Amino acid sequence: MQPIKKADLPRIIVDYALDIASRQNWSDTSLEEIADQSGLTLEDLKKTYPSKNSIVAAYTTRVDECVLNSITSEYKFNSKSGRDRLFVVLIKRFEIMNTNKHAIKSIFRSYTSDLEALARGPLSLYRSMRWMLEAANISYAGGKGQVRIKGLSLIYLSVLRTWFKDDGDNMRDTIEKLDSQLYRAERILGFLRLNNNNSQSTDTINILKDSRNKMEPDSV
């Protein structure tokens, strides 16, 4: 095996970790196993990624960057609605993740016992959804923006559940699920818009509860 360049270490470690996660439960995977598969000592691995969470966070950042790069170079949004722009952005995200679907499912299962921790933790869903809103040119500033971020995170989790089971090459089920979720959010709320008294409407709460209920840990 040729010596690994220091600059390539982060990418190589993440790639090997994903390969292992595609074949076994992420919760059963140790840093020592990832180091061994990567051709590194445990000490060397920890200098780059001190925990499994940091590896997952690095992969999430990689996906964010790939989406942003592809959207910037491929799409013009001037004539599209906010929902259409967001649909394009999120479908691109699922397309990018397709090659690592089994690994993502394994990782996701290990975190779904606490959705709030999952959203704020290593999968960094809130951060990622801010970037997806940014790519779609949808504001996430202020209190209304925070509702959009959290609402989009729950929509994304609901669609993710469908994507895990979607084995078709054209992602038909995923596309239909995302389209229906975004349409519902826009039709009822103008995409999770706050009402005039600056409190969440009953419809907003119902959508968030519905998405949360569909993401029970044993349903993935």
N, C-alpha and C. Protein backbone atom coordinates (compact mmCIF):
# COMPACT_ATOMS: atom_id res chain seq x y z
N MET A 1 0.84 -1.19 0.00
CA MET A 1 0.00 0.00 0.00
C MET A 1 0.87 1.24 0.00
N GLN A 2 0.55 2.19 -0.89
CA GLN A 2 1.32 3.41 -0.95
C GLN A 2 1.04 4.27 0.27
N PRO A 3 2.04 5.07 0.70
CA PRO A 3 1.83 5.95 1.84
C PRO A 3 0.67 6.90 1.59
N ILE A 4 -0.12 7.14 2.61
CA ILE A 4 -1.28 8.02 2.48
C ILE A 4 -0.85 9.47 2.72
N LYS A 5 -1.19 10.34 1.79
CA LYS A 5 -0.89 11.75 1.96
C LYS A 5 -1.76 12.33 3.08
N LYS A 6 -1.15 13.18 3.87
CA LYS A 6 -1.86 13.76 5.01
C LYS A 6 -3.13 14.49 4.57
N ALA A 7 -3.06 15.16 3.43
CA ALA A 7 -4.21 15.93 2.94
C ALA A 7 -5.38 15.01 2.55
N ASP A 8 -5.06 13.76 2.24
CA ASP A 8 -6.11 12.81 1.82
C ASP A 8 -6.74 12.06 2.98
N LEU A 9 -6.15 12.17 4.16
CA LEU A 9 -6.62 11.38 5.30
C LEU A 9 -8.10 11.57 5.63
N PRO A 10 -8.58 12.80 5.73
CA PRO A 10 -10.01 12.97 6.08
C PRO A 10 -10.94 12.25 5.11
N ARG A 11 -10.68 12.40 3.82
CA ARG A 11 -11.53 11.76 2.82
C ARG A 11 -11.45 10.24 2.91
N ILE A 12 -10.24 9.71 3.06
CA ILE A 12 -10.03 8.26 3.10
C ILE A 12 -10.71 7.65 4.32
N ILE A 13 -10.57 8.29 5.46
CA ILE A 13 -11.18 7.78 6.68
C ILE A 13 -12.69 7.73 6.55
N VAL A 14 -13.28 8.81 6.05
CA VAL A 14 -14.73 8.85 5.88
C VAL A 14 -15.18 7.77 4.90
N ASP A 15 -14.45 7.60 3.80
CA ASP A 15 -14.82 6.59 2.81
C ASP A 15 -14.79 5.18 3.40
N TYR A 16 -13.77 4.87 4.17
CA TYR A 16 -13.69 3.55 4.79
C TYR A 16 -14.77 3.38 5.85
N ALA A 17 -15.04 4.43 6.59
CA ALA A 17 -16.09 4.35 7.61
C ALA A 17 -17.44 4.08 6.96
N LEU A 18 -17.72 4.73 5.84
CA LEU A 18 -18.97 4.50 5.13
C LEU A 18 -19.05 3.08 4.60
N ASP A 19 -17.92 2.57 4.11
CA ASP A 19 -17.90 1.20 3.60
C ASP A 19 -18.23 0.20 4.72
N ILE A 20 -17.64 0.41 5.88
CA ILE A 20 -17.93 -0.47 7.02
C ILE A 20 -19.40 -0.36 7.43
N ALA A 21 -19.90 0.89 7.51
CA ALA A 21 -21.30 1.11 7.92
C ALA A 21 -22.29 0.49 6.94
N SER A 22 -21.88 0.35 5.68
CA SER A 22 -22.78 -0.26 4.69
C SER A 22 -22.91 -1.77 4.89
N ARG A 23 -21.98 -2.34 5.66
CA ARG A 23 -21.96 -3.80 5.84
C ARG A 23 -22.35 -4.25 7.25
N GLN A 24 -22.41 -3.32 8.19
CA GLN A 24 -22.75 -3.69 9.55
C GLN A 24 -23.36 -2.49 10.27
N ASN A 25 -23.88 -2.73 11.46
CA ASN A 25 -24.48 -1.66 12.24
C ASN A 25 -23.42 -0.64 12.64
N TRP A 26 -23.75 0.62 12.43
CA TRP A 26 -22.82 1.68 12.82
C TRP A 26 -22.59 1.68 14.33
N SER A 27 -23.61 1.35 15.08
CA SER A 27 -23.48 1.32 16.53
C SER A 27 -22.49 0.26 17.00
N ASP A 28 -22.26 -0.76 16.17
CA ASP A 28 -21.31 -1.82 16.51
C ASP A 28 -19.91 -1.56 15.97
N THR A 29 -19.75 -0.47 15.26
CA THR A 29 -18.46 -0.16 14.62
C THR A 29 -17.59 0.66 15.56
N SER A 30 -16.33 0.27 15.68
CA SER A 30 -15.41 0.97 16.57
C SER A 30 -14.42 1.81 15.76
N LEU A 31 -13.84 2.78 16.43
CA LEU A 31 -12.78 3.59 15.80
C LEU A 31 -11.59 2.71 15.43
N GLU A 32 -11.32 1.72 16.26
CA GLU A 32 -10.20 0.82 15.98
C GLU A 32 -10.43 0.07 14.66
N GLU A 33 -11.66 -0.35 14.42
CA GLU A 33 -11.98 -1.05 13.18
C GLU A 33 -11.82 -0.12 11.98
N ILE A 34 -12.27 1.12 12.13
CA ILE A 34 -12.14 2.09 11.04
C ILE A 34 -10.67 2.37 10.76
N ALA A 35 -9.87 2.50 11.83
CA ALA A 35 -8.44 2.75 11.66
C ALA A 35 -7.77 1.58 10.94
N ASP A 36 -8.12 0.37 11.34
CA ASP A 36 -7.52 -0.82 10.73
C ASP A 36 -7.84 -0.90 9.24
N GLN A 37 -9.11 -0.65 8.89
CA GLN A 37 -9.52 -0.70 7.49
C GLN A 37 -8.86 0.42 6.67
N SER A 38 -8.57 1.53 7.33
CA SER A 38 -7.96 2.68 6.65
C SER A 38 -6.45 2.57 6.55
N GLY A 39 -5.88 1.55 7.19
CA GLY A 39 -4.43 1.39 7.19
C GLY A 39 -3.73 2.36 8.10
N LEU A 40 -4.42 2.76 9.17
CA LEU A 40 -3.87 3.73 10.12
C LEU A 40 -3.81 3.13 11.51
N THR A 41 -2.99 3.73 12.35
CA THR A 41 -3.05 3.39 13.77
C THR A 41 -4.22 4.14 14.38
N LEU A 42 -4.69 3.66 15.50
CA LEU A 42 -5.80 4.34 16.18
C LEU A 42 -5.39 5.76 16.57
N GLU A 43 -4.14 5.92 16.95
CA GLU A 43 -3.64 7.24 17.34
C GLU A 43 -3.69 8.21 16.16
N ASP A 44 -3.30 7.73 14.98
CA ASP A 44 -3.32 8.59 13.80
C ASP A 44 -4.76 8.96 13.41
N LEU A 45 -5.66 8.00 13.53
CA LEU A 45 -7.05 8.30 13.20
C LEU A 45 -7.61 9.36 14.13
N LYS A 46 -7.31 9.24 15.41
CA LYS A 46 -7.87 10.17 16.39
C LYS A 46 -7.34 11.59 16.22
N LYS A 47 -6.20 11.73 15.57
CA LYS A 47 -5.68 13.07 15.30
C LYS A 47 -6.55 13.79 14.28
N THR A 48 -7.19 13.00 13.42
CA THR A 48 -8.07 13.58 12.40
C THR A 48 -9.51 13.60 12.86
N TYR A 49 -9.99 12.47 13.37
CA TYR A 49 -11.36 12.36 13.85
C TYR A 49 -11.34 11.69 15.22
N PRO A 50 -11.55 12.44 16.27
CA PRO A 50 -11.48 11.88 17.63
C PRO A 50 -12.67 11.03 18.03
N SER A 51 -13.71 10.99 17.20
CA SER A 51 -14.90 10.22 17.54
C SER A 51 -15.63 9.81 16.27
N LYS A 52 -16.54 8.86 16.40
CA LYS A 52 -17.38 8.48 15.26
C LYS A 52 -18.30 9.63 14.87
N ASN A 53 -18.75 10.38 15.86
CA ASN A 53 -19.60 11.53 15.56
C ASN A 53 -18.91 12.52 14.64
N SER A 54 -17.62 12.73 14.86
CA SER A 54 -16.88 13.67 14.03
C SER A 54 -16.74 13.16 12.60
N ILE A 55 -16.69 11.85 12.43
CA ILE A 55 -16.66 11.28 11.07
C ILE A 55 -17.99 11.50 10.37
N VAL A 56 -19.08 11.27 11.09
CA VAL A 56 -20.41 11.49 10.51
C VAL A 56 -20.60 12.96 10.15
N ALA A 57 -20.15 13.85 11.04
CA ALA A 57 -20.27 15.28 10.77
C ALA A 57 -19.47 15.67 9.53
N ALA A 58 -18.31 15.05 9.35
CA ALA A 58 -17.49 15.34 8.17
C ALA A 58 -18.20 14.89 6.89
N TYR A 59 -18.85 13.73 6.94
CA TYR A 59 -19.59 13.27 5.77
C TYR A 59 -20.76 14.19 5.47
N THR A 60 -21.46 14.62 6.51
CA THR A 60 -22.59 15.53 6.31
C THR A 60 -22.13 16.83 5.65
N THR A 61 -20.99 17.34 6.10
CA THR A 61 -20.42 18.54 5.49
C THR A 61 -20.06 18.30 4.03
N ARG A 62 -19.53 17.13 3.74
CA ARG A 62 -19.19 16.78 2.35
C ARG A 62 -20.44 16.83 1.47
N VAL A 63 -21.54 16.26 1.97
CA VAL A 63 -22.78 16.26 1.19
C VAL A 63 -23.26 17.70 0.99
N ASP A 64 -23.24 18.50 2.06
CA ASP A 64 -23.64 19.91 1.94
C ASP A 64 -22.85 20.60 0.83
N GLU A 65 -21.54 20.42 0.85
CA GLU A 65 -20.69 21.09 -0.13
C GLU A 65 -20.97 20.61 -1.55
N CYS A 66 -21.20 19.31 -1.70
CA CYS A 66 -21.51 18.78 -3.03
C CYS A 66 -22.81 19.36 -3.57
N VAL A 67 -23.81 19.46 -2.70
CA VAL A 67 -25.08 20.03 -3.13
C VAL A 67 -24.89 21.49 -3.54
N LEU A 68 -24.22 22.27 -2.71
CA LEU A 68 -24.04 23.69 -3.00
C LEU A 68 -23.26 23.90 -4.29
N ASN A 69 -22.23 23.09 -4.49
CA ASN A 69 -21.43 23.21 -5.72
C ASN A 69 -22.25 22.87 -6.96
N SER A 70 -23.06 21.82 -6.87
CA SER A 70 -23.84 21.40 -8.03
C SER A 70 -24.97 22.38 -8.33
N ILE A 71 -25.59 22.91 -7.30
CA ILE A 71 -26.68 23.86 -7.51
C ILE A 71 -26.16 25.15 -8.10
N THR A 72 -25.04 25.62 -7.61
CA THR A 72 -24.46 26.88 -8.09
C THR A 72 -24.12 26.80 -9.57
N SER A 73 -23.60 25.66 -9.99
CA SER A 73 -23.12 25.55 -11.36
C SER A 73 -24.20 25.11 -12.36
N GLU A 74 -25.29 24.51 -11.87
CA GLU A 74 -26.24 23.90 -12.80
C GLU A 74 -27.59 24.62 -12.92
N TYR A 75 -27.99 25.36 -11.89
CA TYR A 75 -29.36 25.82 -11.86
C TYR A 75 -29.49 27.34 -11.75
N LYS A 76 -30.50 27.85 -12.41
CA LYS A 76 -30.89 29.24 -12.30
C LYS A 76 -32.30 29.26 -11.74
N PHE A 77 -32.50 30.08 -10.70
CA PHE A 77 -33.77 30.01 -9.98
C PHE A 77 -34.70 31.21 -10.22
N ASN A 78 -34.32 32.11 -11.10
CA ASN A 78 -35.06 33.35 -11.22
C ASN A 78 -36.54 33.14 -11.50
N SER A 79 -36.88 32.13 -12.30
CA SER A 79 -38.27 31.95 -12.72
C SER A 79 -39.00 30.88 -11.92
N LYS A 80 -38.37 30.31 -10.93
CA LYS A 80 -38.98 29.23 -10.17
C LYS A 80 -39.55 29.74 -8.85
N SER A 81 -40.56 29.05 -8.33
CA SER A 81 -41.09 29.38 -7.01
C SER A 81 -40.13 28.85 -5.94
N GLY A 82 -40.32 29.33 -4.72
CA GLY A 82 -39.48 28.86 -3.62
C GLY A 82 -39.60 27.36 -3.43
N ARG A 83 -40.83 26.84 -3.55
CA ARG A 83 -41.02 25.40 -3.39
C ARG A 83 -40.29 24.62 -4.48
N ASP A 84 -40.37 25.11 -5.71
CA ASP A 84 -39.68 24.43 -6.81
C ASP A 84 -38.17 24.46 -6.62
N ARG A 85 -37.66 25.59 -6.16
CA ARG A 85 -36.21 25.70 -5.94
C ARG A 85 -35.77 24.73 -4.85
N LEU A 86 -36.55 24.69 -3.78
CA LEU A 86 -36.19 23.81 -2.67
C LEU A 86 -36.30 22.35 -3.08
N PHE A 87 -37.29 22.02 -3.90
CA PHE A 87 -37.45 20.66 -4.40
C PHE A 87 -36.20 20.24 -5.18
N VAL A 88 -35.72 21.09 -6.07
CA VAL A 88 -34.53 20.78 -6.87
C VAL A 88 -33.32 20.57 -5.96
N VAL A 89 -33.16 21.43 -4.97
CA VAL A 89 -32.03 21.33 -4.05
C VAL A 89 -32.05 20.02 -3.28
N LEU A 90 -33.20 19.66 -2.74
CA LEU A 90 -33.28 18.45 -1.92
C LEU A 90 -33.18 17.17 -2.74
N ILE A 91 -33.74 17.18 -3.95
CA ILE A 91 -33.59 16.00 -4.81
C ILE A 91 -32.12 15.82 -5.17
N LYS A 92 -31.42 16.91 -5.42
CA LYS A 92 -29.99 16.81 -5.69
C LYS A 92 -29.26 16.21 -4.49
N ARG A 93 -29.69 16.55 -3.29
CA ARG A 93 -29.07 15.99 -2.08
C ARG A 93 -29.26 14.47 -2.02
N PHE A 94 -30.47 14.01 -2.30
CA PHE A 94 -30.72 12.57 -2.29
C PHE A 94 -29.94 11.86 -3.39
N GLU A 95 -29.82 12.48 -4.54
CA GLU A 95 -29.03 11.89 -5.63
C GLU A 95 -27.57 11.72 -5.21
N ILE A 96 -27.03 12.72 -4.55
CA ILE A 96 -25.64 12.66 -4.10
C ILE A 96 -25.45 11.56 -3.06
N MET A 97 -26.44 11.37 -2.19
CA MET A 97 -26.33 10.38 -1.13
C MET A 97 -26.60 8.96 -1.59
N ASN A 98 -27.13 8.79 -2.79
CA ASN A 98 -27.56 7.47 -3.25
C ASN A 98 -26.48 6.40 -3.14
N THR A 99 -25.26 6.75 -3.48
CA THR A 99 -24.18 5.74 -3.48
C THR A 99 -23.85 5.25 -2.08
N ASN A 100 -24.27 5.99 -1.06
CA ASN A 100 -23.97 5.59 0.32
C ASN A 100 -25.24 5.31 1.12
N LYS A 101 -26.29 4.91 0.43
CA LYS A 101 -27.59 4.75 1.10
C LYS A 101 -27.53 3.74 2.24
N HIS A 102 -26.91 2.58 2.02
CA HIS A 102 -26.88 1.56 3.08
C HIS A 102 -26.11 2.04 4.30
N ALA A 103 -25.03 2.76 4.07
CA ALA A 103 -24.25 3.30 5.18
C ALA A 103 -25.04 4.35 5.93
N ILE A 104 -25.71 5.23 5.21
CA ILE A 104 -26.49 6.29 5.85
C ILE A 104 -27.63 5.69 6.68
N LYS A 105 -28.25 4.66 6.16
CA LYS A 105 -29.33 4.00 6.91
C LYS A 105 -28.80 3.40 8.20
N SER A 106 -27.64 2.77 8.13
CA SER A 106 -27.03 2.18 9.32
C SER A 106 -26.70 3.26 10.35
N ILE A 107 -26.12 4.36 9.87
CA ILE A 107 -25.76 5.47 10.77
C ILE A 107 -27.00 6.09 11.38
N PHE A 108 -27.99 6.31 10.53
CA PHE A 108 -29.21 6.96 10.97
C PHE A 108 -29.91 6.16 12.07
N ARG A 109 -29.94 4.85 11.90
CA ARG A 109 -30.59 3.99 12.89
C ARG A 109 -29.97 4.15 14.28
N SER A 110 -28.69 4.42 14.32
CA SER A 110 -28.01 4.52 15.61
C SER A 110 -28.32 5.83 16.34
N TYR A 111 -28.96 6.78 15.64
CA TYR A 111 -29.24 8.08 16.26
C TYR A 111 -30.73 8.37 16.42
N THR A 112 -31.62 7.56 15.87
CA THR A 112 -33.03 7.92 15.83
C THR A 112 -33.77 7.78 17.16
N SER A 113 -33.12 7.37 18.21
CA SER A 113 -33.79 7.31 19.51
C SER A 113 -34.08 8.70 20.06
N ASP A 114 -33.40 9.71 19.52
CA ASP A 114 -33.59 11.09 19.98
C ASP A 114 -33.49 12.01 18.76
N LEU A 115 -34.63 12.39 18.19
CA LEU A 115 -34.63 13.18 16.96
C LEU A 115 -34.04 14.57 17.17
N GLU A 116 -34.26 15.16 18.34
CA GLU A 116 -33.71 16.49 18.59
C GLU A 116 -32.19 16.42 18.65
N ALA A 117 -31.66 15.38 19.31
CA ALA A 117 -30.21 15.20 19.37
C ALA A 117 -29.65 14.92 17.98
N LEU A 118 -30.40 14.18 17.19
CA LEU A 118 -29.98 13.87 15.82
C LEU A 118 -29.90 15.16 15.00
N ALA A 119 -30.89 16.02 15.15
CA ALA A 119 -30.91 17.26 14.38
C ALA A 119 -29.80 18.22 14.77
N ARG A 120 -29.45 18.23 16.05
CA ARG A 120 -28.42 19.15 16.52
C ARG A 120 -27.03 18.52 16.57
N GLY A 121 -26.99 17.19 16.51
CA GLY A 121 -25.74 16.47 16.73
C GLY A 121 -24.95 16.21 15.47
N PRO A 122 -24.32 15.02 15.38
CA PRO A 122 -23.36 14.75 14.32
C PRO A 122 -23.94 14.81 12.91
N LEU A 123 -25.22 14.49 12.74
CA LEU A 123 -25.81 14.61 11.41
C LEU A 123 -26.09 16.06 11.04
N SER A 124 -26.09 16.95 12.05
CA SER A 124 -26.15 18.39 11.82
C SER A 124 -27.28 18.78 10.87
N LEU A 125 -28.46 18.24 11.09
CA LEU A 125 -29.56 18.49 10.18
C LEU A 125 -29.95 19.96 10.13
N TYR A 126 -29.99 20.63 11.27
CA TYR A 126 -30.36 22.04 11.28
C TYR A 126 -29.38 22.86 10.44
N ARG A 127 -28.10 22.58 10.62
CA ARG A 127 -27.09 23.30 9.83
C ARG A 127 -27.26 23.00 8.35
N SER A 128 -27.44 21.72 8.02
CA SER A 128 -27.60 21.34 6.62
C SER A 128 -28.84 21.96 6.00
N MET A 129 -29.95 21.97 6.75
CA MET A 129 -31.17 22.55 6.20
C MET A 129 -31.07 24.06 6.04
N ARG A 130 -30.28 24.72 6.87
CA ARG A 130 -30.01 26.15 6.64
C ARG A 130 -29.33 26.34 5.30
N TRP A 131 -28.36 25.46 5.00
CA TRP A 131 -27.65 25.56 3.73
C TRP A 131 -28.58 25.24 2.56
N MET A 132 -29.49 24.30 2.74
CA MET A 132 -30.42 23.97 1.66
C MET A 132 -31.37 25.14 1.39
N LEU A 133 -31.82 25.80 2.46
CA LEU A 133 -32.65 26.99 2.28
C LEU A 133 -31.87 28.10 1.60
N GLU A 134 -30.62 28.24 1.98
CA GLU A 134 -29.75 29.25 1.36
C GLU A 134 -29.60 28.96 -0.14
N ALA A 135 -29.36 27.70 -0.48
CA ALA A 135 -29.19 27.32 -1.88
C ALA A 135 -30.46 27.59 -2.68
N ALA A 136 -31.61 27.46 -2.02
CA ALA A 136 -32.89 27.71 -2.68
C ALA A 136 -33.32 29.16 -2.60
N ASN A 137 -32.47 30.00 -2.01
CA ASN A 137 -32.75 31.44 -1.89
C ASN A 137 -34.03 31.70 -1.08
N ILE A 138 -34.16 30.97 0.02
CA ILE A 138 -35.28 31.14 0.94
C ILE A 138 -34.72 31.60 2.28
N SER A 139 -35.29 32.65 2.82
CA SER A 139 -34.78 33.24 4.05
C SER A 139 -34.94 32.29 5.24
N TYR A 140 -33.92 32.28 6.11
CA TYR A 140 -34.03 31.53 7.36
C TYR A 140 -33.69 32.44 8.54
N ALA A 141 -33.87 33.72 8.36
CA ALA A 141 -33.55 34.70 9.40
C ALA A 141 -34.72 34.83 10.38
N GLY A 142 -34.38 35.16 11.63
CA GLY A 142 -35.39 35.46 12.63
C GLY A 142 -36.19 34.27 13.09
N GLY A 143 -37.28 34.56 13.82
CA GLY A 143 -38.12 33.50 14.35
C GLY A 143 -38.78 32.68 13.27
N LYS A 144 -39.24 33.35 12.21
CA LYS A 144 -39.86 32.62 11.10
C LYS A 144 -38.85 31.68 10.45
N GLY A 145 -37.61 32.14 10.33
CA GLY A 145 -36.57 31.30 9.74
C GLY A 145 -36.28 30.07 10.57
N GLN A 146 -36.30 30.22 11.90
CA GLN A 146 -36.06 29.07 12.77
C GLN A 146 -37.15 28.02 12.62
N VAL A 147 -38.40 28.47 12.44
CA VAL A 147 -39.50 27.54 12.21
C VAL A 147 -39.30 26.83 10.87
N ARG A 148 -38.85 27.58 9.85
CA ARG A 148 -38.59 26.97 8.55
C ARG A 148 -37.50 25.90 8.65
N ILE A 149 -36.44 26.20 9.38
CA ILE A 149 -35.34 25.24 9.52
C ILE A 149 -35.83 23.97 10.20
N LYS A 150 -36.53 24.12 11.30
CA LYS A 150 -37.01 22.94 12.04
C LYS A 150 -38.07 22.19 11.24
N GLY A 151 -38.95 22.94 10.59
CA GLY A 151 -39.98 22.29 9.79
C GLY A 151 -39.39 21.54 8.61
N LEU A 152 -38.41 22.15 7.94
CA LEU A 152 -37.77 21.49 6.81
C LEU A 152 -37.00 20.26 7.28
N SER A 153 -36.41 20.33 8.46
CA SER A 153 -35.68 19.18 9.00
C SER A 153 -36.61 17.99 9.18
N LEU A 154 -37.82 18.25 9.69
CA LEU A 154 -38.77 17.17 9.91
C LEU A 154 -39.32 16.64 8.58
N ILE A 155 -39.54 17.54 7.62
CA ILE A 155 -39.95 17.09 6.29
C ILE A 155 -38.86 16.21 5.69
N TYR A 156 -37.63 16.65 5.82
CA TYR A 156 -36.49 15.90 5.27
C TYR A 156 -36.39 14.52 5.90
N LEU A 157 -36.57 14.44 7.21
CA LEU A 157 -36.52 13.15 7.90
C LEU A 157 -37.64 12.22 7.41
N SER A 158 -38.81 12.79 7.19
CA SER A 158 -39.93 11.99 6.70
C SER A 158 -39.64 11.44 5.29
N VAL A 159 -39.09 12.30 4.43
CA VAL A 159 -38.75 11.87 3.07
C VAL A 159 -37.59 10.88 3.10
N LEU A 160 -36.67 11.08 4.03
CA LEU A 160 -35.53 10.17 4.17
C LEU A 160 -36.00 8.75 4.42
N ARG A 161 -37.04 8.61 5.21
CA ARG A 161 -37.61 7.29 5.50
C ARG A 161 -38.09 6.61 4.22
N THR A 162 -38.72 7.39 3.34
CA THR A 162 -39.16 6.85 2.05
C THR A 162 -37.96 6.52 1.17
N TRP A 163 -36.97 7.38 1.17
CA TRP A 163 -35.77 7.18 0.35
C TRP A 163 -35.04 5.90 0.72
N PHE A 164 -35.00 5.56 2.01
CA PHE A 164 -34.35 4.33 2.44
C PHE A 164 -34.98 3.10 1.78
N LYS A 165 -36.28 3.15 1.53
CA LYS A 165 -37.00 2.01 0.96
C LYS A 165 -37.14 2.10 -0.56
N ASP A 166 -36.70 3.20 -1.13
CA ASP A 166 -36.88 3.45 -2.55
C ASP A 166 -35.72 2.85 -3.34
N ASP A 167 -35.95 1.71 -3.97
CA ASP A 167 -34.90 1.01 -4.71
C ASP A 167 -34.92 1.31 -6.21
N GLY A 168 -35.84 2.15 -6.64
CA GLY A 168 -35.92 2.46 -8.06
C GLY A 168 -34.79 3.37 -8.52
N ASP A 169 -34.35 3.19 -9.75
CA ASP A 169 -33.26 4.00 -10.28
C ASP A 169 -33.64 5.46 -10.43
N ASN A 170 -34.93 5.73 -10.64
CA ASN A 170 -35.36 7.11 -10.85
C ASN A 170 -35.88 7.78 -9.58
N MET A 171 -35.78 7.12 -8.43
CA MET A 171 -36.21 7.66 -7.13
C MET A 171 -37.66 8.16 -7.18
N ARG A 172 -38.52 7.45 -7.87
CA ARG A 172 -39.90 7.91 -8.06
C ARG A 172 -40.62 8.11 -6.73
N ASP A 173 -40.52 7.14 -5.82
CA ASP A 173 -41.23 7.26 -4.54
C ASP A 173 -40.72 8.44 -3.73
N THR A 174 -39.39 8.64 -3.76
CA THR A 174 -38.79 9.76 -3.03
C THR A 174 -39.25 11.09 -3.61
N ILE A 175 -39.26 11.18 -4.92
CA ILE A 175 -39.69 12.41 -5.59
C ILE A 175 -41.14 12.73 -5.26
N GLU A 176 -42.00 11.73 -5.31
CA GLU A 176 -43.42 11.94 -5.02
C GLU A 176 -43.63 12.35 -3.56
N LYS A 177 -42.89 11.70 -2.66
CA LYS A 177 -43.02 12.03 -1.24
C LYS A 177 -42.56 13.46 -0.96
N LEU A 178 -41.41 13.84 -1.49
CA LEU A 178 -40.90 15.19 -1.27
C LEU A 178 -41.84 16.23 -1.87
N ASP A 179 -42.31 15.98 -3.07
CA ASP A 179 -43.22 16.92 -3.73
C ASP A 179 -44.48 17.12 -2.91
N SER A 180 -45.05 16.03 -2.41
CA SER A 180 -46.29 16.13 -1.63
C SER A 180 -46.07 16.85 -0.30
N GLN A 181 -44.93 16.58 0.34
CA GLN A 181 -44.63 17.23 1.62
C GLN A 181 -44.44 18.73 1.44
N LEU A 182 -43.68 19.12 0.42
CA LEU A 182 -43.43 20.55 0.18
C LEU A 182 -44.71 21.24 -0.28
N TYR A 183 -45.49 20.57 -1.10
CA TYR A 183 -46.76 21.15 -1.56
C TYR A 183 -47.69 21.40 -0.38
N ARG A 184 -47.76 20.42 0.50
CA ARG A 184 -48.63 20.56 1.67
C ARG A 184 -48.19 21.72 2.55
N ALA A 185 -46.89 21.81 2.77
CA ALA A 185 -46.36 22.89 3.61
C ALA A 185 -46.62 24.25 2.98
N GLU A 186 -46.43 24.36 1.67
CA GLU A 186 -46.65 25.64 0.99
C GLU A 186 -48.13 25.98 0.91
N ARG A 187 -48.96 25.00 0.58
CA ARG A 187 -50.39 25.26 0.42
C ARG A 187 -51.04 25.72 1.71
N ILE A 188 -50.69 25.07 2.80
CA ILE A 188 -51.33 25.39 4.07
C ILE A 188 -50.70 26.61 4.74
N LEU A 189 -49.37 26.73 4.60
CA LEU A 189 -48.66 27.71 5.42
C LEU A 189 -47.75 28.66 4.66
N GLY A 190 -47.71 28.58 3.36
CA GLY A 190 -46.75 29.40 2.65
C GLY A 190 -45.34 28.97 3.02
N PHE A 191 -45.12 27.68 3.09
CA PHE A 191 -43.92 27.02 3.59
C PHE A 191 -43.57 27.42 5.03
N LEU A 192 -44.39 26.91 5.93
CA LEU A 192 -44.18 27.06 7.37
C LEU A 192 -44.10 28.52 7.78
N ARG A 193 -44.98 29.34 7.21
CA ARG A 193 -45.02 30.76 7.55
C ARG A 193 -45.66 30.92 8.93
N LEU A 194 -45.18 31.89 9.70
CA LEU A 194 -45.80 32.20 10.98
C LEU A 194 -47.04 33.06 10.76
N ASN A 195 -48.03 32.92 11.62
CA ASN A 195 -49.21 33.75 11.46
C ASN A 195 -48.99 35.15 12.04
N ASN A 196 -50.00 36.00 11.96
CA ASN A 196 -49.80 37.42 12.26
C ASN A 196 -49.43 37.70 13.70
N ASN A 197 -49.87 36.88 14.63
CA ASN A 197 -49.54 37.15 16.02
C ASN A 197 -48.23 36.49 16.43
N ASN A 198 -47.46 36.03 15.40
CA ASN A 198 -46.10 35.52 15.61
C ASN A 198 -46.05 34.25 16.44
N SER A 199 -47.14 33.49 16.45
CA SER A 199 -47.15 32.19 17.10
C SER A 199 -47.46 31.12 16.07
N GLN A 200 -47.06 29.90 16.32
CA GLN A 200 -47.28 28.85 15.35
C GLN A 200 -48.77 28.52 15.25
N SER A 201 -49.27 28.39 14.02
CA SER A 201 -50.66 28.03 13.82
C SER A 201 -50.87 26.55 14.12
N THR A 202 -52.13 26.16 14.29
CA THR A 202 -52.45 24.75 14.54
C THR A 202 -51.99 23.89 13.38
N ASP A 203 -52.13 24.39 12.15
CA ASP A 203 -51.70 23.63 10.98
C ASP A 203 -50.21 23.38 11.00
N THR A 204 -49.44 24.38 11.41
CA THR A 204 -47.99 24.19 11.50
C THR A 204 -47.65 23.08 12.47
N ILE A 205 -48.28 23.14 13.65
CA ILE A 205 -48.00 22.15 14.68
C ILE A 205 -48.40 20.76 14.20
N ASN A 206 -49.54 20.66 13.49
CA ASN A 206 -49.99 19.36 12.99
C ASN A 206 -49.01 18.78 11.98
N ILE A 207 -48.48 19.63 11.10
CA ILE A 207 -47.51 19.14 10.11
C ILE A 207 -46.26 18.64 10.81
N LEU A 208 -45.77 19.39 11.78
CA LEU A 208 -44.56 18.98 12.48
C LEU A 208 -44.80 17.69 13.25
N LYS A 209 -45.95 17.58 13.91
CA LYS A 209 -46.25 16.35 14.64
C LYS A 209 -46.37 15.17 13.70
N ASP A 210 -47.02 15.38 12.55
CA ASP A 210 -47.20 14.30 11.59
C ASP A 210 -45.86 13.80 11.08
N SER A 211 -44.97 14.72 10.76
CA SER A 211 -43.64 14.32 10.28
C SER A 211 -42.87 13.61 11.36
N ARG A 212 -42.97 14.11 12.60
CA ARG A 212 -42.25 13.48 13.71
C ARG A 212 -42.77 12.05 13.98
N ASN A 213 -44.11 11.89 13.94
CA ASN A 213 -44.69 10.58 14.21
C ASN A 213 -44.28 9.55 13.18
N LYS A 214 -44.03 9.98 11.96
CA LYS A 214 -43.66 9.05 10.89
C LYS A 214 -42.19 8.64 10.97
N MET A 215 -41.47 9.26 11.89
CA MET A 215 -40.05 8.95 12.01
C MET A 215 -39.73 8.19 13.28
N GLU A 216 -40.63 7.33 13.75
CA GLU A 216 -40.35 6.50 14.90
C GLU A 216 -39.16 5.63 14.62
N PRO A 217 -38.24 5.41 15.59
CA PRO A 217 -36.99 4.67 15.35
C PRO A 217 -37.19 3.30 14.73
N ASP A 218 -38.24 2.57 15.11
CA ASP A 218 -38.38 1.21 14.61
C ASP A 218 -39.00 1.14 13.22
N SER A 219 -39.29 2.30 12.62
CA SER A 219 -39.90 2.29 11.30
C SER A 219 -38.89 2.45 10.20
N VAL A 220 -37.63 2.70 10.53
CA VAL A 220 -36.60 2.91 9.50
C VAL A 220 -36.05 1.58 9.05
